[in-house]
Amino acid sequence: MAGVELLQYEFMQRALLAALLVGLAAPVVGIFLVQRRLALIGDGMGHVALAGVAAGVLTRTAPVWTALALSVLAAVAIELVRARGRTSGDVALAVMFYGGIALGVVLISKAPEGATVNLDAYLFGAITTTSPQDVAAFVVLAVVVLAVAAVLTPRLFAVANDPEFARAVGLPVLRLNLVLAVLTAVTVVVSMRVVGLLLISALMVLPNAAAQQVCRSFRSSLATAVVIGVAVSLGGTGLSFYTATPSGGTIVVLAVAVFVVAAGWTASRRRVLGRRHAPVEGHDAHEHGVRCGHPAVPHGDHVDYVHAGHRHAQHGQHYDDHDDHHDDTGHDDPGHDGPGPDGSGHDDALPAAPRPGR
């Protein structure tokens, strides 16, 4: 019933809709930034957008559109400087960081008294400040981001993953990078009321970082990141209503928690698989087989041999220790659900290390 109560308030309906848009758009753009090792570019865009918000406050115009205009201009300028000038990517980001925040402070200092009261809503997010006009603008911008990303995903991935190869096959690398920079700027503006300008980069990066812990392909990572982004955005927005905390901080705390859980699960899984498939040494002078004299034990799709008190199975050029991993079928190892790519029946997520000297 708590959810029904939440939806009775119009400002929460608007906030949840905005959170949904942010949860969809931020991970979609963020995955390309992570691939390009530009995870912090969202912070730089946020600082520039702050200057745009200040310009809107100073001129008494809609801060959404002034923030968008200044962010897009800065994104294009920085990408051109990075691509064609002698300035490295990190220096260009530093210019964006410091220039944006400094310009914002200067402009805010000239604003009429009382006009800066709601600045915290842009910096850290505030669910009560999302107006119908904001939602309408965010819907348009988010749809544009998602549509462009959907059409250009193969090309953006190629450029982010290997720009030299993309250039060699004729892709317009600079133009695609400019498109990504503009998409980042638009996403920052879409997210500023929900997550906040100082925290939006986290929502671009953390869902993707968590997804990469548990997924093996770009497609599955992107889908998982979007699911995580939507879940933490909606969950954090709803939770902030009941806890009276800033929505941006609450959303990011949830995203960090998801990442910690994903990283912990992956580390535990690696340790378990490492123990289940510890390479066994000492078989150079003895190879197991039908006439080796050691008892054979069926184990799923292969046979183990009991040797020196342990069950050993050959996989490729080494032996693995398969002790104490039975189930009713003689096999409970998730890495042995069926024949692997090499036909050996060994399809582990983490390949066992070869023996020294092999």
Protein backbone atom coordinates (compact mmCIF):
# COMPACT_ATOMS: atom_id res chain seq x y z
CA MET A 1 0.00 0.00 0.00
CA ALA A 2 3.01 2.25 0.49
CA GLY A 3 3.52 2.36 -3.26
CA VAL A 4 -0.11 3.38 -3.79
CA GLU A 5 0.28 6.14 -1.23
CA LEU A 6 3.41 7.32 -3.01
CA LEU A 7 1.59 7.62 -6.33
CA GLN A 8 -1.18 9.76 -4.85
CA TYR A 9 1.08 12.81 -5.00
CA GLU A 10 1.48 14.50 -8.35
CA PHE A 11 5.01 15.67 -7.62
CA MET A 12 6.02 12.05 -6.89
CA GLN A 13 4.44 10.91 -10.13
CA ARG A 14 6.56 13.46 -11.96
CA ALA A 15 9.65 12.53 -9.96
CA LEU A 16 9.26 8.81 -10.66
CA LEU A 17 8.74 9.46 -14.36
CA ALA A 18 11.89 11.57 -14.42
CA ALA A 19 13.74 8.85 -12.48
CA LEU A 20 12.64 6.26 -15.04
CA LEU A 21 13.98 8.42 -17.87
CA VAL A 22 17.27 8.91 -16.06
CA GLY A 23 17.58 5.22 -15.26
CA LEU A 24 17.14 4.38 -18.94
CA ALA A 25 19.34 7.07 -20.48
CA ALA A 26 22.31 7.31 -18.12
CA PRO A 27 23.57 3.69 -18.40
CA VAL A 28 23.04 3.66 -22.18
CA VAL A 29 25.35 6.64 -22.61
CA GLY A 30 27.64 5.65 -19.75
CA ILE A 31 28.63 2.29 -21.23
CA PHE A 32 30.44 4.02 -24.09
CA LEU A 33 32.17 6.41 -21.68
CA VAL A 34 33.37 3.45 -19.60
CA GLN A 35 34.66 1.76 -22.77
CA ARG A 36 36.57 4.93 -23.66
CA ARG A 37 37.91 5.30 -20.09
CA LEU A 38 36.10 8.63 -19.76
CA ALA A 39 34.08 7.64 -16.72
CA LEU A 40 34.48 11.04 -15.08
CA ILE A 41 33.37 13.13 -18.05
CA GLY A 42 29.88 13.30 -16.56
CA ASP A 43 31.32 15.21 -13.61
CA GLY A 44 32.88 17.74 -15.97
CA MET A 45 29.60 18.13 -17.84
CA GLY A 46 27.83 18.57 -14.52
CA HIS A 47 30.10 21.46 -13.59
CA VAL A 48 29.46 23.13 -16.93
CA ALA A 49 25.72 22.54 -16.59
CA LEU A 50 25.91 24.26 -13.21
CA ALA A 51 27.17 27.36 -15.01
CA GLY A 52 24.19 27.01 -17.37
CA VAL A 53 21.80 26.79 -14.42
CA ALA A 54 23.40 29.90 -12.96
CA ALA A 55 22.96 31.68 -16.30
CA GLY A 56 19.29 30.72 -16.28
CA VAL A 57 18.85 32.03 -12.74
CA LEU A 58 20.65 35.24 -13.63
CA THR A 59 18.62 35.86 -16.79
CA ARG A 60 15.37 34.53 -15.27
CA THR A 61 14.98 31.94 -18.03
CA ALA A 62 14.39 28.20 -17.78
CA PRO A 63 17.59 26.67 -16.28
CA VAL A 64 17.01 23.42 -18.19
CA TRP A 65 17.54 25.04 -21.57
CA THR A 66 20.43 27.30 -20.56
CA ALA A 67 22.17 24.32 -18.95
CA LEU A 68 21.59 22.26 -22.09
CA ALA A 69 22.93 24.95 -24.41
CA LEU A 70 26.09 25.55 -22.40
CA SER A 71 26.72 21.83 -21.82
CA VAL A 72 26.41 20.98 -25.52
CA LEU A 73 28.73 23.83 -26.51
CA ALA A 74 31.29 22.78 -23.92
CA ALA A 75 31.05 19.12 -24.95
CA VAL A 76 31.72 19.92 -28.60
CA ALA A 77 34.56 22.33 -27.75
CA ILE A 78 36.30 19.90 -25.42
CA GLU A 79 36.04 17.01 -27.89
CA LEU A 80 37.50 19.15 -30.68
CA VAL A 81 40.33 20.32 -28.43
CA ARG A 82 41.04 16.76 -27.33
CA ALA A 83 40.96 15.37 -30.87
CA ARG A 84 42.74 18.08 -32.83
CA GLY A 85 44.73 20.04 -30.31
CA ARG A 86 47.74 19.13 -28.22
CA THR A 87 45.74 18.89 -25.03
CA SER A 88 45.37 15.40 -23.56
CA GLY A 89 42.00 14.01 -22.50
CA ASP A 90 42.59 14.42 -18.76
CA VAL A 91 43.73 18.03 -19.17
CA ALA A 92 40.66 18.80 -21.28
CA LEU A 93 38.47 17.29 -18.54
CA ALA A 94 40.25 19.40 -15.93
CA VAL A 95 39.54 22.54 -17.94
CA MET A 96 35.87 21.52 -18.05
CA PHE A 97 35.78 20.82 -14.30
CA TYR A 98 37.35 24.03 -13.12
CA GLY A 99 36.05 26.36 -15.80
CA GLY A 100 32.46 25.21 -15.33
CA ILE A 101 32.39 25.51 -11.56
CA ALA A 102 34.22 28.85 -11.60
CA LEU A 103 31.83 30.34 -14.16
CA GLY A 104 28.88 29.04 -12.17
CA VAL A 105 30.13 30.65 -8.96
CA VAL A 106 30.74 33.98 -10.71
CA LEU A 107 27.30 34.03 -12.33
CA ILE A 108 25.51 32.97 -9.15
CA SER A 109 27.19 35.80 -7.26
CA LYS A 110 25.48 38.26 -9.63
CA ALA A 111 22.03 36.72 -9.34
CA PRO A 112 19.25 38.59 -7.53
CA GLU A 113 19.03 37.91 -3.81
CA GLY A 114 17.06 34.76 -3.02
CA ALA A 115 17.42 33.37 -6.50
CA THR A 116 20.01 30.79 -5.39
CA VAL A 117 17.79 29.10 -2.79
CA ASN A 118 16.99 26.13 -5.05
CA LEU A 119 20.56 25.62 -6.28
CA ASP A 120 20.95 22.54 -4.06
CA ALA A 121 18.15 20.88 -6.02
CA TYR A 122 20.33 21.01 -9.14
CA LEU A 123 23.51 20.00 -7.34
CA PHE A 124 22.18 16.99 -5.40
CA GLY A 125 18.72 16.32 -6.80
CA ALA A 126 15.35 17.02 -5.15
CA ILE A 127 12.16 15.13 -5.88
CA THR A 128 9.87 18.03 -4.94
CA THR A 129 11.31 20.43 -7.52
CA THR A 130 10.45 18.57 -10.72
CA SER A 131 7.82 20.69 -12.47
CA PRO A 132 5.49 19.56 -15.29
CA GLN A 133 7.55 21.71 -17.66
CA ASP A 134 10.73 19.96 -16.52
CA VAL A 135 9.18 16.54 -17.08
CA ALA A 136 8.05 17.49 -20.58
CA ALA A 137 11.56 18.69 -21.44
CA PHE A 138 13.14 15.59 -19.90
CA VAL A 139 10.84 13.27 -21.87
CA VAL A 140 11.81 14.91 -25.16
CA LEU A 141 15.53 14.89 -24.34
CA ALA A 142 15.55 11.32 -23.05
CA VAL A 143 13.71 10.02 -26.11
CA VAL A 144 16.26 11.76 -28.34
CA VAL A 145 19.17 10.23 -26.38
CA LEU A 146 17.73 6.71 -26.49
CA ALA A 147 16.79 6.93 -30.17
CA VAL A 148 20.20 8.19 -31.26
CA ALA A 149 21.98 5.63 -29.08
CA ALA A 150 19.82 2.80 -30.47
CA VAL A 151 20.63 3.73 -34.06
CA LEU A 152 24.34 4.34 -33.52
CA THR A 153 25.17 1.68 -30.91
CA PRO A 154 27.28 -0.55 -33.24
CA ARG A 155 29.28 2.44 -34.48
CA LEU A 156 29.68 4.01 -31.04
CA PHE A 157 30.86 0.68 -29.66
CA ALA A 158 33.38 0.25 -32.48
CA VAL A 159 34.81 3.73 -31.90
CA ALA A 160 34.87 3.34 -28.10
CA ASN A 161 36.45 -0.11 -28.25
CA ASP A 162 39.10 0.46 -30.93
CA PRO A 163 39.17 3.93 -32.53
CA GLU A 164 42.11 3.09 -34.79
CA PHE A 165 40.33 0.08 -36.26
CA ALA A 166 37.13 2.11 -36.62
CA ARG A 167 39.05 4.78 -38.48
CA ALA A 168 40.70 2.16 -40.70
CA VAL A 169 37.33 0.73 -41.79
CA GLY A 170 36.05 4.18 -42.67
CA LEU A 171 33.93 5.16 -39.69
CA PRO A 172 33.74 8.94 -38.98
CA VAL A 173 35.44 8.69 -35.59
CA LEU A 174 35.47 12.41 -34.78
CA ARG A 175 31.81 12.88 -35.65
CA LEU A 176 30.79 9.85 -33.61
CA ASN A 177 32.81 11.10 -30.65
CA LEU A 178 31.09 14.46 -30.98
CA VAL A 179 27.70 12.70 -30.99
CA LEU A 180 28.67 10.83 -27.81
CA ALA A 181 29.81 14.07 -26.16
CA VAL A 182 26.49 15.73 -27.01
CA LEU A 183 24.54 12.71 -25.75
CA THR A 184 26.48 12.93 -22.49
CA ALA A 185 25.64 16.61 -22.13
CA VAL A 186 21.95 15.98 -22.78
CA THR A 187 21.89 13.09 -20.30
CA VAL A 188 23.43 15.28 -17.62
CA VAL A 189 20.70 17.88 -18.11
CA VAL A 190 17.98 15.21 -18.07
CA SER A 191 19.34 13.88 -14.78
CA MET A 192 20.06 17.09 -12.89
CA ARG A 193 16.75 17.35 -11.02
CA VAL A 194 16.65 13.69 -10.01
CA VAL A 195 20.28 12.75 -9.36
CA GLY A 196 21.96 16.14 -9.22
CA LEU A 197 24.73 17.62 -11.32
CA LEU A 198 27.43 16.52 -8.89
CA LEU A 199 26.27 12.89 -8.84
CA ILE A 200 25.07 12.14 -12.36
CA SER A 201 28.41 10.63 -13.38
CA ALA A 202 27.88 7.93 -10.76
CA LEU A 203 24.64 6.80 -12.41
CA MET A 204 26.41 6.63 -15.77
CA VAL A 205 29.27 4.55 -14.41
CA LEU A 206 28.09 2.40 -11.49
CA PRO A 207 25.33 0.39 -13.24
CA ASN A 208 27.79 -0.42 -16.02
CA ALA A 209 30.55 -1.27 -13.57
CA ALA A 210 28.19 -3.62 -11.73
CA ALA A 211 26.95 -5.20 -14.97
CA GLN A 212 30.49 -5.86 -16.17
CA GLN A 213 31.12 -7.85 -13.00
CA VAL A 214 28.50 -10.44 -13.93
CA CYS A 215 28.19 -10.27 -17.74
CA ARG A 216 30.51 -11.41 -20.51
CA SER A 217 29.25 -9.54 -23.57
CA PHE A 218 28.51 -5.95 -24.50
CA ARG A 219 24.87 -6.69 -25.24
CA SER A 220 24.20 -8.43 -21.91
CA SER A 221 26.19 -5.78 -20.00
CA LEU A 222 24.13 -3.00 -21.56
CA ALA A 223 20.81 -4.72 -20.81
CA THR A 224 21.84 -5.47 -17.23
CA ALA A 225 23.12 -1.92 -16.69
CA VAL A 226 19.80 -0.47 -17.86
CA VAL A 227 17.88 -2.78 -15.50
CA ILE A 228 20.13 -1.73 -12.61
CA GLY A 229 19.85 1.94 -13.56
CA VAL A 230 16.06 1.87 -13.65
CA ALA A 231 15.86 -0.13 -10.40
CA VAL A 232 18.13 2.16 -8.38
CA SER A 233 16.61 5.33 -9.86
CA LEU A 234 13.03 4.37 -9.05
CA GLY A 235 13.98 2.72 -5.76
CA GLY A 236 16.15 5.61 -4.63
CA THR A 237 13.53 8.19 -5.56
CA GLY A 238 10.82 6.32 -3.66
CA LEU A 239 13.08 5.73 -0.67
CA SER A 240 14.10 9.39 -0.52
CA PHE A 241 10.43 10.32 -0.17
CA TYR A 242 10.07 8.24 3.00
CA THR A 243 13.48 9.02 4.48
CA ALA A 244 13.44 12.76 3.63
CA THR A 245 16.88 12.50 2.02
CA PRO A 246 18.12 13.99 -1.27
CA SER A 247 17.04 11.77 -4.13
CA GLY A 248 20.42 11.95 -5.86
CA GLY A 249 22.40 10.77 -2.87
CA THR A 250 19.90 7.99 -2.14
CA ILE A 251 20.02 6.74 -5.73
CA VAL A 252 23.81 6.70 -5.81
CA VAL A 253 24.04 4.91 -2.44
CA LEU A 254 21.81 2.16 -3.85
CA ALA A 255 23.93 1.99 -7.01
CA VAL A 256 27.09 1.65 -4.93
CA ALA A 257 25.45 -1.13 -2.91
CA VAL A 258 24.54 -3.00 -6.10
CA PHE A 259 28.11 -2.68 -7.34
CA VAL A 260 29.55 -3.95 -4.05
CA VAL A 261 27.21 -6.96 -4.10
CA ALA A 262 28.08 -7.74 -7.74
CA ALA A 263 31.81 -7.40 -7.11
CA GLY A 264 31.58 -9.57 -3.98
CA TRP A 265 29.58 -12.25 -5.79
CA THR A 266 32.08 -12.33 -8.65
CA ALA A 267 35.06 -12.56 -6.29
CA SER A 268 33.40 -15.38 -4.33
CA ARG A 269 32.57 -17.23 -7.54
CA ARG A 270 36.16 -16.95 -8.70
CA ARG A 271 37.41 -18.39 -5.43
CA VAL A 272 34.92 -21.27 -5.56
CA LEU A 273 35.78 -22.12 -9.15
CA GLY A 274 39.45 -21.83 -8.32
CA ARG A 275 39.08 -24.38 -5.52
CA ARG A 276 36.95 -26.73 -7.60
CA HIS A 277 39.40 -26.74 -10.46
CA ALA A 278 42.77 -26.50 -8.77
CA PRO A 279 45.39 -27.82 -11.20
CA VAL A 280 47.01 -30.99 -9.87
CA GLU A 281 50.75 -31.39 -10.24
CA GLY A 282 52.83 -34.55 -10.43
CA HIS A 283 51.29 -36.32 -13.43
CA ASP A 284 54.23 -35.96 -15.80
CA ALA A 285 55.28 -39.59 -15.20
CA HIS A 286 51.77 -40.97 -14.96
CA GLU A 287 48.77 -40.49 -17.21
CA HIS A 288 45.37 -41.79 -16.11
CA GLY A 289 43.46 -44.11 -18.39
CA VAL A 290 41.59 -47.38 -18.64
CA ARG A 291 44.66 -49.45 -17.60
CA CYS A 292 46.26 -47.06 -15.14
CA GLY A 293 45.16 -49.11 -12.13
CA HIS A 294 43.27 -46.29 -10.41
CA PRO A 295 39.51 -46.56 -9.77
CA ALA A 296 37.37 -44.70 -12.33
CA VAL A 297 34.42 -42.61 -11.06
CA PRO A 298 31.79 -41.26 -13.53
CA HIS A 299 31.51 -37.48 -13.10
CA GLY A 300 28.87 -35.88 -15.30
CA ASP A 301 30.15 -35.88 -18.87
CA HIS A 302 33.62 -37.24 -18.05
CA VAL A 303 35.44 -39.72 -15.79
CA ASP A 304 37.51 -38.97 -12.69
CA TYR A 305 40.27 -41.26 -11.43
CA VAL A 306 40.95 -41.79 -7.71
CA HIS A 307 44.65 -41.16 -7.19
CA ALA A 308 46.44 -40.59 -3.87
CA GLY A 309 43.11 -40.13 -2.12
CA HIS A 310 41.84 -37.52 -4.59
CA ARG A 311 39.62 -37.61 -7.68
CA HIS A 312 41.47 -36.24 -10.69
CA ALA A 313 40.19 -35.49 -14.20
CA GLN A 314 42.16 -34.50 -17.26
CA HIS A 315 41.16 -31.24 -18.96
CA GLY A 316 43.31 -30.29 -21.89
CA GLN A 317 46.96 -30.35 -20.83
CA HIS A 318 46.43 -30.48 -17.07
CA TYR A 319 44.55 -32.33 -14.34
CA ASP A 320 41.94 -30.79 -12.02
CA ASP A 321 41.08 -31.87 -8.49
CA HIS A 322 37.33 -32.65 -8.38
CA ASP A 323 37.03 -33.79 -4.75
CA ASP A 324 33.83 -33.32 -2.78
CA HIS A 325 31.76 -31.80 -5.56
CA HIS A 326 29.09 -34.50 -6.10
CA ASP A 327 25.38 -34.08 -6.52
CA ASP A 328 22.73 -36.69 -7.27
CA THR A 329 23.98 -36.96 -10.82
CA GLY A 330 27.59 -37.21 -9.77
CA HIS A 331 28.13 -33.59 -10.80
CA ASP A 332 27.34 -30.29 -9.14
CA ASP A 333 29.96 -28.14 -10.81
CA PRO A 334 28.46 -25.14 -12.64
CA GLY A 335 31.47 -25.10 -14.88
CA HIS A 336 30.57 -28.56 -16.25
CA ASP A 337 26.99 -28.23 -17.48
CA GLY A 338 27.93 -29.67 -20.86
CA PRO A 339 30.61 -29.87 -23.49
CA GLY A 340 32.73 -26.76 -23.65
CA PRO A 341 33.94 -24.90 -26.73
CA ASP A 342 36.86 -27.29 -27.07
CA GLY A 343 34.64 -30.37 -26.76
CA SER A 344 36.26 -31.36 -23.47
CA GLY A 345 33.20 -30.80 -21.35
CA HIS A 346 35.06 -28.09 -19.50
CA ASP A 347 33.30 -24.76 -19.96
CA ASP A 348 34.43 -22.82 -16.91
CA ALA A 349 34.02 -19.08 -16.67
CA LEU A 350 37.61 -18.96 -15.44
CA PRO A 351 40.00 -21.32 -17.27
CA ALA A 352 42.33 -23.26 -15.04
CA ALA A 353 45.96 -22.33 -15.31
CA PRO A 354 48.24 -24.71 -17.24
CA ARG A 355 50.89 -26.60 -15.36
CA PRO A 356 54.38 -25.10 -15.30
CA GLY A 357 56.51 -26.31 -18.13
CA ARG A 358 53.57 -26.97 -20.46
